[in-house]
């Protein structure tokens, strides 16, 4: 890896981390979710110049799944590539039990950015 690639990955990290701080602040202020979890390359530290933000937001809501995504996307107004998953606490618990990807990549390797009450 060249010095230029390392620098661009570091610059990308800084941009993504700044955006994550903005997301967490906005989410805490506007909806106070149960949890915000970061997963993917940023969570594992394997950042590249093309890395994006992968977030799971666990919140109490009656909105259907797609409407939740639209609501959160409008709220956050992402400035960088961002993949969002929005689950109720019950859905997330069930997925963690039943889906290996959720259990391994999000629960085990992910980073809790915010947890209500902590």
PDB file of N, CA and C in Angstrom:
ATOM      1  N   UNK A   1       0.853  -1.185   0.000  1.00  0.00           N
ATOM      2  CA  UNK A   1       0.000   0.000   0.000  1.00  0.00           C
ATOM      3  C   UNK A   1       0.892   1.240   0.000  1.00  0.00           C
ATOM      4  N   UNK A   2       0.583   2.174  -0.856  1.00  0.00           N
ATOM      5  CA  UNK A   2       1.400   3.375  -0.972  1.00  0.00           C
ATOM      6  C   UNK A   2       1.029   4.383   0.114  1.00  0.00           C
ATOM      7  N   UNK A   3       1.902   5.362   0.315  1.00  0.00           N
ATOM      8  CA  UNK A   3       1.638   6.414   1.308  1.00  0.00           C
ATOM      9  C   UNK A   3       0.381   7.191   0.938  1.00  0.00           C
ATOM     10  N   UNK A   4       0.167   7.375  -0.377  1.00  0.00           N
ATOM     11  CA  UNK A   4      -1.016   8.114  -0.823  1.00  0.00           C
ATOM     12  C   UNK A   4      -2.295   7.357  -0.448  1.00  0.00           C
ATOM     13  N   UNK A   5      -2.324   6.040  -0.639  1.00  0.00           N
ATOM     14  CA  UNK A   5      -3.499   5.241  -0.266  1.00  0.00           C
ATOM     15  C   UNK A   5      -3.736   5.298   1.233  1.00  0.00           C
ATOM     16  N   UNK A   6      -2.672   5.202   2.035  1.00  0.00           N
ATOM     17  CA  UNK A   6      -2.804   5.275   3.477  1.00  0.00           C
ATOM     18  C   UNK A   6      -3.378   6.618   3.892  1.00  0.00           C
ATOM     19  N   UNK A   7      -2.879   7.683   3.283  1.00  0.00           N
ATOM     20  CA  UNK A   7      -3.378   9.014   3.599  1.00  0.00           C
ATOM     21  C   UNK A   7      -4.845   9.143   3.233  1.00  0.00           C
ATOM     22  N   UNK A   8      -5.246   8.654   2.053  1.00  0.00           N
ATOM     23  CA  UNK A   8      -6.634   8.789   1.650  1.00  0.00           C
ATOM     24  C   UNK A   8      -7.550   7.958   2.553  1.00  0.00           C
ATOM     25  N   UNK A   9      -7.087   6.807   3.002  1.00  0.00           N
ATOM     26  CA  UNK A   9      -7.881   6.005   3.938  1.00  0.00           C
ATOM     27  C   UNK A   9      -8.001   6.740   5.272  1.00  0.00           C
ATOM     28  N   UNK A  10      -6.913   7.370   5.721  1.00  0.00           N
ATOM     29  CA  UNK A  10      -6.947   8.136   6.975  1.00  0.00           C
ATOM     30  C   UNK A  10      -7.876   9.335   6.842  1.00  0.00           C
ATOM     31  N   UNK A  11      -7.804  10.021   5.721  1.00  0.00           N
ATOM     32  CA  UNK A  11      -8.704  11.143   5.495  1.00  0.00           C
ATOM     33  C   UNK A  11     -10.155  10.673   5.485  1.00  0.00           C
ATOM     34  N   UNK A  12     -10.398   9.524   4.855  1.00  0.00           N
ATOM     35  CA  UNK A  12     -11.754   8.970   4.815  1.00  0.00           C
ATOM     36  C   UNK A  12     -12.231   8.642   6.225  1.00  0.00           C
ATOM     37  N   UNK A  13     -11.348   8.069   7.043  1.00  0.00           N
ATOM     38  CA  UNK A  13     -11.688   7.755   8.433  1.00  0.00           C
ATOM     39  C   UNK A  13     -12.140   9.020   9.160  1.00  0.00           C
ATOM     40  N   UNK A  14     -11.394  10.091   9.003  1.00  0.00           N
ATOM     41  CA  UNK A  14     -11.724  11.340   9.695  1.00  0.00           C
ATOM     42  C   UNK A  14     -13.087  11.874   9.263  1.00  0.00           C
ATOM     43  N   UNK A  15     -13.355  11.823   7.964  1.00  0.00           N
ATOM     44  CA  UNK A  15     -14.652  12.283   7.451  1.00  0.00           C
ATOM     45  C   UNK A  15     -15.779  11.424   8.021  1.00  0.00           C
ATOM     46  N   UNK A  16     -15.600  10.110   7.981  1.00  0.00           N
ATOM     47  CA  UNK A  16     -16.629   9.193   8.474  1.00  0.00           C
ATOM     48  C   UNK A  16     -16.852   9.352   9.980  1.00  0.00           C
ATOM     49  N   UNK A  17     -15.785   9.484  10.745  1.00  0.00           N
ATOM     50  CA  UNK A  17     -15.933   9.640  12.192  1.00  0.00           C
ATOM     51  C   UNK A  17     -16.644  10.944  12.551  1.00  0.00           C
ATOM     52  N   UNK A  18     -16.372  11.992  11.814  1.00  0.00           N
ATOM     53  CA  UNK A  18     -17.071  13.268  12.041  1.00  0.00           C
ATOM     54  C   UNK A  18     -18.564  13.109  11.758  1.00  0.00           C
ATOM     55  N   UNK A  19     -18.880  12.429  10.682  1.00  0.00           N
ATOM     56  CA  UNK A  19     -20.288  12.209  10.319  1.00  0.00           C
ATOM     57  C   UNK A  19     -20.978  11.319  11.362  1.00  0.00           C
ATOM     58  N   UNK A  20     -20.285  10.321  11.862  1.00  0.00           N
ATOM     59  CA  UNK A  20     -20.859   9.446  12.893  1.00  0.00           C
ATOM     60  C   UNK A  20     -21.174  10.245  14.156  1.00  0.00           C
ATOM     61  N   UNK A  21     -20.270  11.113  14.565  1.00  0.00           N
ATOM     62  CA  UNK A  21     -20.535  11.957  15.743  1.00  0.00           C
ATOM     63  C   UNK A  21     -21.790  12.805  15.527  1.00  0.00           C
ATOM     64  N   UNK A  22     -21.942  13.347  14.325  1.00  0.00           N
ATOM     65  CA  UNK A  22     -23.132  14.142  14.004  1.00  0.00           C
ATOM     66  C   UNK A  22     -24.388  13.267  14.057  1.00  0.00           C
ATOM     67  N   UNK A  23     -24.309  12.055  13.503  1.00  0.00           N
ATOM     68  CA  UNK A  23     -25.449  11.142  13.525  1.00  0.00           C
ATOM     69  C   UNK A  23     -25.877  10.826  14.955  1.00  0.00           C
ATOM     70  N   UNK A  24     -24.913  10.454  15.789  1.00  0.00           N
ATOM     71  CA  UNK A  24     -25.235  10.063  17.166  1.00  0.00           C
ATOM     72  C   UNK A  24     -25.860  11.234  17.918  1.00  0.00           C
ATOM     73  N   UNK A  25     -25.292  12.415  17.768  1.00  0.00           N
ATOM     74  CA  UNK A  25     -25.844  13.606  18.427  1.00  0.00           C
ATOM     75  C   UNK A  25     -27.282  13.871  17.967  1.00  0.00           C
ATOM     76  N   UNK A  26     -27.518  13.802  16.669  1.00  0.00           N
ATOM     77  CA  UNK A  26     -28.860  14.042  16.124  1.00  0.00           C
ATOM     78  C   UNK A  26     -29.848  12.984  16.613  1.00  0.00           C
ATOM     79  N   UNK A  27     -29.456  11.729  16.548  1.00  0.00           N
ATOM     80  CA  UNK A  27     -30.353  10.654  16.978  1.00  0.00           C
ATOM     81  C   UNK A  27     -30.673  10.741  18.469  1.00  0.00           C
ATOM     82  N   UNK A  28     -29.680  11.000  19.277  1.00  0.00           N
ATOM     83  CA  UNK A  28     -29.919  11.139  20.726  1.00  0.00           C
ATOM     84  C   UNK A  28     -30.874  12.290  21.012  1.00  0.00           C
ATOM     85  N   UNK A  29     -30.665  13.404  20.351  1.00  0.00           N
ATOM     86  CA  UNK A  29     -31.485  14.591  20.581  1.00  0.00           C
ATOM     87  C   UNK A  29     -32.917  14.404  20.069  1.00  0.00           C
ATOM     88  N   UNK A  30     -33.069  13.815  18.898  1.00  0.00           N
ATOM     89  CA  UNK A  30     -34.374  13.763  18.240  1.00  0.00           C
ATOM     90  C   UNK A  30     -35.232  12.551  18.602  1.00  0.00           C
ATOM     91  N   UNK A  31     -34.618  11.373  18.784  1.00  0.00           N
ATOM     92  CA  UNK A  31     -35.439  10.180  19.041  1.00  0.00           C
ATOM     93  C   UNK A  31     -34.991   9.358  20.238  1.00  0.00           C
ATOM     94  N   UNK A  32     -33.838   9.631  20.795  1.00  0.00           N
ATOM     95  CA  UNK A  32     -33.281   8.868  21.913  1.00  0.00           C
ATOM     96  C   UNK A  32     -33.499   7.361  21.738  1.00  0.00           C
ATOM     97  N   UNK A  33     -32.798   6.759  20.758  1.00  0.00           N
ATOM     98  CA  UNK A  33     -32.988   5.329  20.488  1.00  0.00           C
ATOM     99  C   UNK A  33     -32.488   4.458  21.627  1.00  0.00           C
ATOM    100  N   UNK A  34     -32.852   3.197  21.580  1.00  0.00           N
ATOM    101  CA  UNK A  34     -32.357   2.224  22.560  1.00  0.00           C
ATOM    102  C   UNK A  34     -30.852   2.022  22.370  1.00  0.00           C
ATOM    103  N   UNK A  35     -30.442   1.854  21.101  1.00  0.00           N
ATOM    104  CA  UNK A  35     -29.037   1.597  20.786  1.00  0.00           C
ATOM    105  C   UNK A  35     -28.699   2.133  19.404  1.00  0.00           C
ATOM    106  N   UNK A  36     -27.429   2.476  19.236  1.00  0.00           N
ATOM    107  CA  UNK A  36     -26.859   2.783  17.926  1.00  0.00           C
ATOM    108  C   UNK A  36     -25.600   1.940  17.820  1.00  0.00           C
ATOM    109  N   UNK A  37     -25.539   1.104  16.795  1.00  0.00           N
ATOM    110  CA  UNK A  37     -24.397   0.215  16.607  1.00  0.00           C
ATOM    111  C   UNK A  37     -23.739   0.477  15.263  1.00  0.00           C
ATOM    112  N   UNK A  38     -22.433   0.503  15.265  1.00  0.00           N
ATOM    113  CA  UNK A  38     -21.631   0.645  14.059  1.00  0.00           C
ATOM    114  C   UNK A  38     -21.094  -0.727  13.700  1.00  0.00           C
ATOM    115  N   UNK A  39     -21.182  -1.106  12.425  1.00  0.00           N
ATOM    116  CA  UNK A  39     -20.581  -2.361  11.991  1.00  0.00           C
ATOM    117  C   UNK A  39     -19.890  -2.131  10.660  1.00  0.00           C
ATOM    118  N   UNK A  40     -19.250  -3.154  10.145  1.00  0.00           N
ATOM    119  CA  UNK A  40     -18.551  -3.029   8.863  1.00  0.00           C
ATOM    120  C   UNK A  40     -17.115  -2.582   9.034  1.00  0.00           C
ATOM    121  N   UNK A  41     -16.545  -2.071   7.940  1.00  0.00           N
ATOM    122  CA  UNK A  41     -15.110  -1.767   7.912  1.00  0.00           C
ATOM    123  C   UNK A  41     -14.703  -0.706   8.930  1.00  0.00           C
ATOM    124  N   UNK A  42     -15.543   0.258   9.183  1.00  0.00           N
ATOM    125  CA  UNK A  42     -15.186   1.298  10.151  1.00  0.00           C
ATOM    126  C   UNK A  42     -15.128   0.722  11.567  1.00  0.00           C
ATOM    127  N   UNK A  43     -16.024  -0.194  11.875  1.00  0.00           N
ATOM    128  CA  UNK A  43     -16.040  -0.820  13.203  1.00  0.00           C
ATOM    129  C   UNK A  43     -14.836  -1.737  13.414  1.00  0.00           C
ATOM    130  N   UNK A  44     -14.401  -2.407  12.347  1.00  0.00           N
ATOM    131  CA  UNK A  44     -13.279  -3.344  12.478  1.00  0.00           C
ATOM    132  C   UNK A  44     -11.932  -2.680  12.247  1.00  0.00           C
ATOM    133  N   UNK A  45     -11.942  -1.416  11.797  1.00  0.00           N
ATOM    134  CA  UNK A  45     -10.690  -0.708  11.568  1.00  0.00           C
ATOM    135  C   UNK A  45     -10.062  -0.990  10.219  1.00  0.00           C
ATOM    136  N   UNK A  46     -10.774  -1.688   9.348  1.00  0.00           N
ATOM    137  CA  UNK A  46     -10.262  -2.020   8.013  1.00  0.00           C
ATOM    138  C   UNK A  46     -10.782  -1.001   7.006  1.00  0.00           C
ATOM    139  N   UNK A  47     -10.381   0.237   7.174  1.00  0.00           N
ATOM    140  CA  UNK A  47     -10.924   1.335   6.387  1.00  0.00           C
ATOM    141  C   UNK A  47     -10.144   1.530   5.094  1.00  0.00           C
ATOM    142  N   UNK A  48     -10.910   1.800   4.047  1.00  0.00           N
ATOM    143  CA  UNK A  48     -10.352   2.081   2.726  1.00  0.00           C
ATOM    144  C   UNK A  48     -10.897   3.432   2.270  1.00  0.00           C
ATOM    145  N   UNK A  49     -10.375   3.928   1.190  1.00  0.00           N
ATOM    146  CA  UNK A  49     -10.831   5.222   0.692  1.00  0.00           C
ATOM    147  C   UNK A  49     -12.294   5.182   0.263  1.00  0.00           C
ATOM    148  N   UNK A  50     -12.847   4.004   0.020  1.00  0.00           N
ATOM    149  CA  UNK A  50     -14.243   3.862  -0.399  1.00  0.00           C
ATOM    150  C   UNK A  50     -15.167   3.400   0.730  1.00  0.00           C
ATOM    151  N   UNK A  51     -14.659   3.281   1.947  1.00  0.00           N
ATOM    152  CA  UNK A  51     -15.477   2.811   3.067  1.00  0.00           C
ATOM    153  C   UNK A  51     -16.675   3.726   3.295  1.00  0.00           C
ATOM    154  N   UNK A  52     -17.758   3.106   3.780  1.00  0.00           N
ATOM    155  CA  UNK A  52     -18.960   3.868   4.109  1.00  0.00           C
ATOM    156  C   UNK A  52     -19.302   3.663   5.583  1.00  0.00           C
ATOM    157  N   UNK A  53     -20.418   4.206   6.001  1.00  0.00           N
ATOM    158  CA  UNK A  53     -20.894   4.041   7.379  1.00  0.00           C
ATOM    159  C   UNK A  53     -22.011   3.005   7.360  1.00  0.00           C
ATOM    160  N   UNK A  54     -21.888   2.003   8.223  1.00  0.00           N
ATOM    161  CA  UNK A  54     -22.916   0.975   8.383  1.00  0.00           C
ATOM    162  C   UNK A  54     -23.447   1.080   9.803  1.00  0.00           C
ATOM    163  N   UNK A  55     -24.720   1.445   9.931  1.00  0.00           N
ATOM    164  CA  UNK A  55     -25.313   1.660  11.256  1.00  0.00           C
ATOM    165  C   UNK A  55     -26.581   0.839  11.441  1.00  0.00           C
ATOM    166  N   UNK A  56     -26.738   0.345  12.660  1.00  0.00           N
ATOM    167  CA  UNK A  56     -28.006  -0.229  13.099  1.00  0.00           C
ATOM    168  C   UNK A  56     -28.537   0.687  14.186  1.00  0.00           C
ATOM    169  N   UNK A  57     -29.791   1.088  14.032  1.00  0.00           N
ATOM    170  CA  UNK A  57     -30.465   1.909  15.029  1.00  0.00           C
ATOM    171  C   UNK A  57     -31.601   1.074  15.592  1.00  0.00           C
ATOM    172  N   UNK A  58     -31.579   0.892  16.901  1.00  0.00           N
ATOM    173  CA  UNK A  58     -32.624   0.119  17.575  1.00  0.00           C
ATOM    174  C   UNK A  58     -33.486   1.126  18.324  1.00  0.00           C
ATOM    175  N   UNK A  59     -34.780   1.160  17.947  1.00  0.00           N
ATOM    176  CA  UNK A  59     -35.678   2.158  18.524  1.00  0.00           C
ATOM    177  C   UNK A  59     -37.095   1.604  18.619  1.00  0.00           C
ATOM    178  N   UNK A  60     -37.835   2.132  19.574  1.00  0.00           N
ATOM    179  CA  UNK A  60     -39.243   1.786  19.672  1.00  0.00           C
ATOM    180  C   UNK A  60     -39.992   2.589  18.619  1.00  0.00           C
ATOM    181  N   UNK A  61     -40.781   1.889  17.802  1.00  0.00           N
ATOM    182  CA  UNK A  61     -41.531   2.548  16.739  1.00  0.00           C
ATOM    183  C   UNK A  61     -42.637   1.628  16.247  1.00  0.00           C
ATOM    184  N   UNK A  62     -43.682   2.250  15.737  1.00  0.00           N
ATOM    185  CA  UNK A  62     -44.761   1.511  15.087  1.00  0.00           C
ATOM    186  C   UNK A  62     -44.680   1.637  13.571  1.00  0.00           C
ATOM    187  N   UNK A  63     -43.713   2.394  13.078  1.00  0.00           N
ATOM    188  CA  UNK A  63     -43.581   2.589  11.633  1.00  0.00           C
ATOM    189  C   UNK A  63     -43.162   1.288  10.955  1.00  0.00           C
ATOM    190  N   UNK A  64     -43.704   1.018   9.759  1.00  0.00           N
ATOM    191  CA  UNK A  64     -43.215  -0.127   8.989  1.00  0.00           C
ATOM    192  C   UNK A  64     -41.735   0.064   8.648  1.00  0.00           C
ATOM    193  N   UNK A  65     -41.059  -1.045   8.366  1.00  0.00           N
ATOM    194  CA  UNK A  65     -39.610  -1.046   8.178  1.00  0.00           C
ATOM    195  C   UNK A  65     -39.138   0.012   7.181  1.00  0.00           C
ATOM    196  N   UNK A  66     -39.692   0.043   5.984  1.00  0.00           N
ATOM    197  CA  UNK A  66     -39.245   0.993   4.950  1.00  0.00           C
ATOM    198  C   UNK A  66     -39.487   2.434   5.385  1.00  0.00           C
ATOM    199  N   UNK A  67     -40.613   2.692   6.015  1.00  0.00           N
ATOM    200  CA  UNK A  67     -40.894   4.057   6.480  1.00  0.00           C
ATOM    201  C   UNK A  67     -39.910   4.496   7.553  1.00  0.00           C
ATOM    202  N   UNK A  68     -39.476   3.574   8.400  1.00  0.00           N
ATOM    203  CA  UNK A  68     -38.448   3.896   9.409  1.00  0.00           C
ATOM    204  C   UNK A  68     -37.173   4.360   8.732  1.00  0.00           C
ATOM    205  N   UNK A  69     -36.771   3.618   7.698  1.00  0.00           N
ATOM    206  CA  UNK A  69     -35.540   3.971   6.981  1.00  0.00           C
ATOM    207  C   UNK A  69     -35.638   5.366   6.375  1.00  0.00           C
ATOM    208  N   UNK A  70     -36.773   5.647   5.749  1.00  0.00           N
ATOM    209  CA  UNK A  70     -36.967   6.981   5.156  1.00  0.00           C
ATOM    210  C   UNK A  70     -36.953   8.065   6.234  1.00  0.00           C
ATOM    211  N   UNK A  71     -37.613   7.796   7.352  1.00  0.00           N
ATOM    212  CA  UNK A  71     -37.657   8.755   8.464  1.00  0.00           C
ATOM    213  C   UNK A  71     -36.238   9.061   8.967  1.00  0.00           C
ATOM    214  N   UNK A  72     -35.448   8.030   9.221  1.00  0.00           N
ATOM    215  CA  UNK A  72     -34.089   8.215   9.749  1.00  0.00           C
ATOM    216  C   UNK A  72     -33.202   8.895   8.705  1.00  0.00           C
ATOM    217  N   UNK A  73     -33.327   8.508   7.454  1.00  0.00           N
ATOM    218  CA  UNK A  73     -32.516   9.130   6.404  1.00  0.00           C
ATOM    219  C   UNK A  73     -32.834  10.618   6.280  1.00  0.00           C
ATOM    220  N   UNK A  74     -34.114  10.974   6.353  1.00  0.00           N
ATOM    221  CA  UNK A  74     -34.490  12.398   6.304  1.00  0.00           C
ATOM    222  C   UNK A  74     -33.969  13.134   7.538  1.00  0.00           C
ATOM    223  N   UNK A  75     -34.009  12.482   8.677  1.00  0.00           N
ATOM    224  CA  UNK A  75     -33.528  13.091   9.920  1.00  0.00           C
ATOM    225  C   UNK A  75     -32.015  13.339   9.867  1.00  0.00           C
ATOM    226  N   UNK A  76     -31.267  12.344   9.419  1.00  0.00           N
ATOM    227  CA  UNK A  76     -29.805  12.434   9.436  1.00  0.00           C
ATOM    228  C   UNK A  76     -29.223  13.212   8.253  1.00  0.00           C
ATOM    229  N   UNK A  77     -29.888  13.163   7.122  1.00  0.00           N
ATOM    230  CA  UNK A  77     -29.365  13.812   5.913  1.00  0.00           C
ATOM    231  C   UNK A  77     -27.878  13.466   5.704  1.00  0.00           C
ATOM    232  N   UNK A  78     -27.576  12.180   5.472  1.00  0.00           N
ATOM    233  CA  UNK A  78     -26.173  11.758   5.355  1.00  0.00           C
ATOM    234  C   UNK A  78     -25.419  12.522   4.272  1.00  0.00           C
ATOM    235  N   UNK A  79     -24.177  12.881   4.603  1.00  0.00           N
ATOM    236  CA  UNK A  79     -23.303  13.598   3.675  1.00  0.00           C
ATOM    237  C   UNK A  79     -22.291  12.667   3.030  1.00  0.00           C
ATOM    238  N   UNK A  80     -22.268  11.412   3.493  1.00  0.00           N
ATOM    239  CA  UNK A  80     -21.382  10.385   2.934  1.00  0.00           C
ATOM    240  C   UNK A  80     -22.216   9.117   2.738  1.00  0.00           C
ATOM    241  N   UNK A  81     -21.662   8.165   2.006  1.00  0.00           N
ATOM    242  CA  UNK A  81     -22.364   6.898   1.781  1.00  0.00           C
ATOM    243  C   UNK A  81     -22.661   6.238   3.131  1.00  0.00           C
ATOM    244  N   UNK A  82     -23.939   5.933   3.346  1.00  0.00           N
ATOM    245  CA  UNK A  82     -24.371   5.403   4.636  1.00  0.00           C
ATOM    246  C   UNK A  82     -25.413   4.311   4.421  1.00  0.00           C
ATOM    247  N   UNK A  83     -25.186   3.156   5.034  1.00  0.00           N
ATOM    248  CA  UNK A  83     -26.166   2.072   5.030  1.00  0.00           C
ATOM    249  C   UNK A  83     -26.812   2.028   6.407  1.00  0.00           C
ATOM    250  N   UNK A  84     -28.130   2.130   6.425  1.00  0.00           N
ATOM    251  CA  UNK A  84     -28.867   2.173   7.684  1.00  0.00           C
ATOM    252  C   UNK A  84     -29.791   0.975   7.799  1.00  0.00           C
ATOM    253  N   UNK A  85     -29.858   0.418   8.992  1.00  0.00           N
ATOM    254  CA  UNK A  85     -30.838  -0.600   9.344  1.00  0.00           C
ATOM    255  C   UNK A  85     -31.522  -0.106  10.607  1.00  0.00           C
ATOM    256  N   UNK A  86     -32.837  -0.121  10.626  1.00  0.00           N
ATOM    257  CA  UNK A  86     -33.588   0.387  11.774  1.00  0.00           C
ATOM    258  C   UNK A  86     -34.541  -0.707  12.239  1.00  0.00           C
ATOM    259  N   UNK A  87     -34.329  -1.167  13.465  1.00  0.00           N
ATOM    260  CA  UNK A  87     -35.125  -2.253  14.026  1.00  0.00           C
ATOM    261  C   UNK A  87     -35.742  -1.835  15.348  1.00  0.00           C
ATOM    262  N   UNK A  88     -36.853  -2.492  15.683  1.00  0.00           N
ATOM    263  CA  UNK A  88     -37.390  -2.360  17.033  1.00  0.00           C
ATOM    264  C   UNK A  88     -36.521  -3.239  17.938  1.00  0.00           C
ATOM    265  N   UNK A  89     -36.561  -3.032  19.255  1.00  0.00           N
ATOM    266  CA  UNK A  89     -35.784  -3.896  20.149  1.00  0.00           C
ATOM    267  C   UNK A  89     -36.133  -5.377  19.974  1.00  0.00           C
ATOM    268  N   UNK A  90     -37.415  -5.674  19.800  1.00  0.00           N
ATOM    269  CA  UNK A  90     -37.849  -7.061  19.647  1.00  0.00           C
ATOM    270  C   UNK A  90     -37.326  -7.667  18.345  1.00  0.00           C
ATOM    271  N   UNK A  91     -37.384  -6.905  17.265  1.00  0.00           N
ATOM    272  CA  UNK A  91     -36.862  -7.390  15.984  1.00  0.00           C
ATOM    273  C   UNK A  91     -35.368  -7.656  16.068  1.00  0.00           C
ATOM    274  N   UNK A  92     -34.644  -6.738  16.690  1.00  0.00           N
ATOM    275  CA  UNK A  92     -33.195  -6.895  16.768  1.00  0.00           C
ATOM    276  C   UNK A  92     -32.818  -8.113  17.611  1.00  0.00           C
ATOM    277  N   UNK A  93     -33.502  -8.320  18.726  1.00  0.00           N
ATOM    278  CA  UNK A  93     -33.243  -9.512  19.544  1.00  0.00           C
ATOM    279  C   UNK A  93     -33.486 -10.782  18.751  1.00  0.00           C
ATOM    280  N   UNK A  94     -34.591 -10.829  18.019  1.00  0.00           N
ATOM    281  CA  UNK A  94     -34.913 -12.007  17.223  1.00  0.00           C
ATOM    282  C   UNK A  94     -33.873 -12.235  16.129  1.00  0.00           C
ATOM    283  N   UNK A  95     -33.492 -11.174  15.431  1.00  0.00           N
ATOM    284  CA  UNK A  95     -32.474 -11.300  14.379  1.00  0.00           C
ATOM    285  C   UNK A  95     -31.140 -11.768  14.947  1.00  0.00           C
ATOM    286  N   UNK A  96     -30.762 -11.263  16.105  1.00  0.00           N
ATOM    287  CA  UNK A  96     -29.494 -11.668  16.727  1.00  0.00           C
ATOM    288  C   UNK A  96     -29.500 -13.158  17.065  1.00  0.00           C
ATOM    289  N   UNK A  97     -30.663 -13.673  17.416  1.00  0.00           N
ATOM    290  CA  UNK A  97     -30.776 -15.111  17.713  1.00  0.00           C
ATOM    291  C   UNK A  97     -30.779 -15.951  16.444  1.00  0.00           C
ATOM    292  N   UNK A  98     -31.453 -15.466  15.405  1.00  0.00           N
ATOM    293  CA  UNK A  98     -31.738 -16.296  14.233  1.00  0.00           C
ATOM    294  C   UNK A  98     -30.817 -16.093  13.038  1.00  0.00           C
ATOM    295  N   UNK A  99     -30.181 -14.949  12.938  1.00  0.00           N
ATOM    296  CA  UNK A  99     -29.368 -14.651  11.741  1.00  0.00           C
ATOM    297  C   UNK A  99     -27.884 -14.600  12.077  1.00  0.00           C
ATOM    298  N   UNK A 100     -27.108 -15.522  11.516  1.00  0.00           N
ATOM    299  CA  UNK A 100     -25.662 -15.519  11.784  1.00  0.00           C
ATOM    300  C   UNK A 100     -24.987 -14.190  11.445  1.00  0.00           C
ATOM    301  N   UNK A 101     -25.372 -13.540  10.351  1.00  0.00           N
ATOM    302  CA  UNK A 101     -24.743 -12.254   9.994  1.00  0.00           C
ATOM    303  C   UNK A 101     -24.934 -11.235  11.108  1.00  0.00           C
ATOM    304  N   UNK A 102     -26.140 -11.109  11.606  1.00  0.00           N
ATOM    305  CA  UNK A 102     -26.425 -10.129  12.669  1.00  0.00           C
ATOM    306  C   UNK A 102     -25.622 -10.480  13.908  1.00  0.00           C
ATOM    307  N   UNK A 103     -25.638 -11.741  14.287  1.00  0.00           N
ATOM    308  CA  UNK A 103     -24.929 -12.184  15.489  1.00  0.00           C
ATOM    309  C   UNK A 103     -23.419 -11.968  15.356  1.00  0.00           C
ATOM    310  N   UNK A 104     -22.839 -12.333  14.203  1.00  0.00           N
ATOM    311  CA  UNK A 104     -21.383 -12.290  14.045  1.00  0.00           C
ATOM    312  C   UNK A 104     -20.859 -10.907  13.660  1.00  0.00           C
ATOM    313  N   UNK A 105     -21.488 -10.274  12.701  1.00  0.00           N
ATOM    314  CA  UNK A 105     -20.958  -9.013  12.179  1.00  0.00           C
ATOM    315  C   UNK A 105     -21.415  -7.783  12.959  1.00  0.00           C
ATOM    316  N   UNK A 106     -22.618  -7.814  13.495  1.00  0.00           N
ATOM    317  CA  UNK A 106     -23.134  -6.634  14.190  1.00  0.00           C
ATOM    318  C   UNK A 106     -22.961  -6.769  15.698  1.00  0.00           C
ATOM    319  N   UNK A 107     -23.443  -7.864  16.271  1.00  0.00           N
ATOM    320  CA  UNK A 107     -23.372  -8.027  17.726  1.00  0.00           C
ATOM    321  C   UNK A 107     -21.935  -8.286  18.185  1.00  0.00           C
ATOM    322  N   UNK A 108     -21.238  -9.224  17.537  1.00  0.00           N
ATOM    323  CA  UNK A 108     -19.892  -9.596  17.986  1.00  0.00           C
ATOM    324  C   UNK A 108     -18.804  -8.614  17.569  1.00  0.00           C
ATOM    325  N   UNK A 109     -18.807  -8.200  16.301  1.00  0.00           N
ATOM    326  CA  UNK A 109     -17.736  -7.339  15.781  1.00  0.00           C
ATOM    327  C   UNK A 109     -18.094  -5.862  15.792  1.00  0.00           C
ATOM    328  N   UNK A 110     -19.368  -5.563  15.964  1.00  0.00           N
ATOM    329  CA  UNK A 110     -19.808  -4.175  15.923  1.00  0.00           C
ATOM    330  C   UNK A 110     -19.409  -3.390  17.157  1.00  0.00           C
ATOM    331  N   UNK A 111     -19.605  -2.088  17.072  1.00  0.00           N
ATOM    332  CA  UNK A 111     -19.259  -1.175  18.163  1.00  0.00           C
ATOM    333  C   UNK A 111     -20.535  -0.454  18.599  1.00  0.00           C
ATOM    334  N   UNK A 112     -20.820  -0.508  19.899  1.00  0.00           N
ATOM    335  CA  UNK A 112     -21.974   0.223  20.430  1.00  0.00           C
ATOM    336  C   UNK A 112     -21.566   1.685  20.557  1.00  0.00           C
ATOM    337  N   UNK A 113     -22.215   2.536  19.783  1.00  0.00           N
ATOM    338  CA  UNK A 113     -21.915   3.974  19.825  1.00  0.00           C
ATOM    339  C   UNK A 113     -22.745   4.679  20.885  1.00  0.00           C
ATOM    340  N   UNK A 114     -23.916   4.128  21.135  1.00  0.00           N
ATOM    341  CA  UNK A 114     -24.817   4.718  22.128  1.00  0.00           C
ATOM    342  C   UNK A 114     -25.747   3.626  22.624  1.00  0.00           C
ATOM    343  N   UNK A 115     -25.993   3.654  23.927  1.00  0.00           N
ATOM    344  CA  UNK A 115     -26.975   2.763  24.523  1.00  0.00           C
ATOM    345  C   UNK A 115     -27.694   3.543  25.606  1.00  0.00           C
ATOM    346  N   UNK A 116     -29.004   3.647  25.460  1.00  0.00           N
ATOM    347  CA  UNK A 116     -29.790   4.417  26.425  1.00  0.00           C
ATOM    348  C   UNK A 116     -29.526   3.884  27.834  1.00  0.00           C
ATOM    349  N   UNK A 117     -29.344   4.807  28.760  1.00  0.00           N
ATOM    350  CA  UNK A 117     -29.125   4.432  30.146  1.00  0.00           C
ATOM    351  C   UNK A 117     -27.676   4.139  30.495  1.00  0.00           C
ATOM    352  N   UNK A 118     -26.779   4.248  29.541  1.00  0.00           N
ATOM    353  CA  UNK A 118     -25.353   4.016  29.827  1.00  0.00           C
ATOM    354  C   UNK A 118     -24.546   5.241  29.565  1.00  0.00           C
TER     355      UNK A 118
END
